[in-house]
Amino acid sequence: MKKEELTQKQINRRDLVDGAVLIIIAKKGKTMKGELTQKQINRQDLVDGAIFELLEQLAPNGAQLQWNIEHIGAVRDAVLNVLVDNCKVMSEMDFYPYISESDDN
């Protein structure tokens, strides 16, 4: 990559989806602009954790759910749609911070 290399820290993030997204972006010739702040990472953790807890509460008693970021992401997208697009109470970045990308070219 020309502009900046993905750091090992970015690739090894605890959140598997973020890591997968970084790898996909790298393969598509994109670079990341900056890094998430600790506050933004904490917000992501809060949202994902709250969604997982909701899924556990809604599952039948005794159901043992495994952490599955794809399932959490599906719910996250629905909640984002309601809070950001429908209710307009916050921005997408405020709801779930992310790193924007740019073309390498």
Protein backbone atom coordinates (compact mmCIF):
# COMPACT_ATOMS: atom_id res chain seq x y z
CA MET A 1 0.00 0.00 0.00
CA LYS A 2 1.21 3.44 -0.81
CA LYS A 3 -0.33 5.92 1.65
CA GLU A 4 -0.03 4.01 4.91
CA GLU A 5 0.30 0.41 5.98
CA LEU A 6 -2.27 -1.26 8.19
CA THR A 7 -0.69 -1.70 11.59
CA GLN A 8 -0.63 -5.04 13.37
CA LYS A 9 -2.70 -3.40 16.11
CA GLN A 10 -5.41 -2.57 13.59
CA ILE A 11 -5.41 -6.10 12.18
CA ASN A 12 -5.36 -7.80 15.59
CA ARG A 13 -8.34 -5.92 17.05
CA ARG A 14 -10.44 -7.91 19.48
CA ASP A 15 -13.53 -7.35 17.37
CA LEU A 16 -13.30 -9.97 14.61
CA VAL A 17 -15.51 -8.05 12.22
CA ASP A 18 -13.27 -5.00 12.38
CA GLY A 19 -10.27 -7.21 11.66
CA ALA A 20 -12.08 -8.84 8.74
CA VAL A 21 -13.10 -5.44 7.40
CA LEU A 22 -9.53 -4.17 7.62
CA ILE A 23 -8.26 -7.19 5.70
CA ILE A 24 -10.96 -6.82 3.04
CA ILE A 25 -10.18 -3.11 2.70
CA ALA A 26 -6.47 -3.91 2.36
CA LYS A 27 -7.22 -6.40 -0.42
CA LYS A 28 -9.34 -3.84 -2.27
CA GLY A 29 -6.51 -1.31 -2.38
CA LYS A 30 -7.89 0.96 0.33
CA THR A 31 -6.09 2.58 3.24
CA MET A 32 -7.43 3.55 6.61
CA LYS A 33 -7.59 7.16 7.74
CA GLY A 34 -6.40 7.29 11.35
CA GLU A 35 -7.38 5.00 14.17
CA LEU A 36 -10.31 4.80 16.54
CA THR A 37 -9.85 6.54 19.86
CA GLN A 38 -10.26 4.59 23.08
CA LYS A 39 -13.59 6.37 23.61
CA GLN A 40 -14.78 5.19 20.18
CA ILE A 41 -13.63 1.63 20.86
CA ASN A 42 -15.46 1.73 24.20
CA ARG A 43 -18.61 2.85 22.38
CA GLN A 44 -18.33 -0.06 19.93
CA ASP A 45 -17.85 -2.46 22.85
CA LEU A 46 -20.86 -0.97 24.66
CA VAL A 47 -23.12 -1.32 21.60
CA ASP A 48 -22.00 -4.86 20.76
CA GLY A 49 -22.20 -5.96 24.40
CA ALA A 50 -25.68 -4.50 24.85
CA ILE A 51 -26.88 -6.25 21.70
CA PHE A 52 -25.45 -9.59 22.86
CA GLU A 53 -27.13 -9.16 26.26
CA LEU A 54 -30.42 -8.39 24.50
CA LEU A 55 -30.11 -11.55 22.40
CA GLU A 56 -29.39 -13.59 25.53
CA GLN A 57 -32.44 -12.10 27.30
CA LEU A 58 -34.71 -12.81 24.33
CA ALA A 59 -33.48 -16.38 23.80
CA PRO A 60 -35.40 -19.22 25.50
CA ASN A 61 -34.32 -20.05 29.04
CA GLY A 62 -31.29 -22.31 29.04
CA ALA A 63 -30.24 -21.39 25.51
CA GLN A 64 -26.49 -20.95 25.39
CA LEU A 65 -25.70 -18.33 22.79
CA GLN A 66 -22.16 -18.00 21.49
CA TRP A 67 -20.69 -14.60 20.69
CA ASN A 68 -21.26 -14.26 16.96
CA ILE A 69 -20.32 -10.88 15.54
CA GLU A 70 -22.31 -11.53 12.36
CA HIS A 71 -25.51 -11.94 14.39
CA ILE A 72 -24.63 -8.93 16.52
CA GLY A 73 -23.89 -6.93 13.36
CA ALA A 74 -27.30 -7.77 11.89
CA VAL A 75 -29.04 -6.45 15.00
CA ARG A 76 -26.67 -3.46 15.13
CA ASP A 77 -27.64 -2.52 11.57
CA ALA A 78 -31.35 -2.68 12.47
CA VAL A 79 -30.87 -0.56 15.61
CA LEU A 80 -28.75 1.93 13.65
CA ASN A 81 -31.53 2.21 11.07
CA VAL A 82 -34.08 3.01 13.79
CA LEU A 83 -31.97 5.44 15.84
CA VAL A 84 -30.12 7.20 13.01
CA ASP A 85 -32.42 7.03 10.00
CA ASN A 86 -35.91 6.84 11.50
CA CYS A 87 -35.72 8.65 14.87
CA LYS A 88 -32.80 10.88 13.86
CA VAL A 89 -31.54 11.10 17.45
CA MET A 90 -27.86 10.61 16.59
CA SER A 91 -25.42 10.26 13.73
CA GLU A 92 -24.12 6.95 12.45
CA MET A 93 -20.65 7.85 13.77
CA ASP A 94 -22.09 8.64 17.21
CA PHE A 95 -23.98 5.35 17.29
CA TYR A 96 -21.11 3.11 16.14
CA PRO A 97 -17.81 4.87 15.37
CA TYR A 98 -15.80 3.61 12.43
CA ILE A 99 -12.68 4.47 10.46
CA SER A 100 -13.34 5.97 7.07
CA GLU A 101 -11.42 4.65 4.11
CA SER A 102 -9.89 6.16 1.00
CA ASP A 103 -8.68 4.79 -2.33
CA ASP A 104 -4.96 4.09 -2.63
CA ASN A 105 -4.95 5.53 -6.13
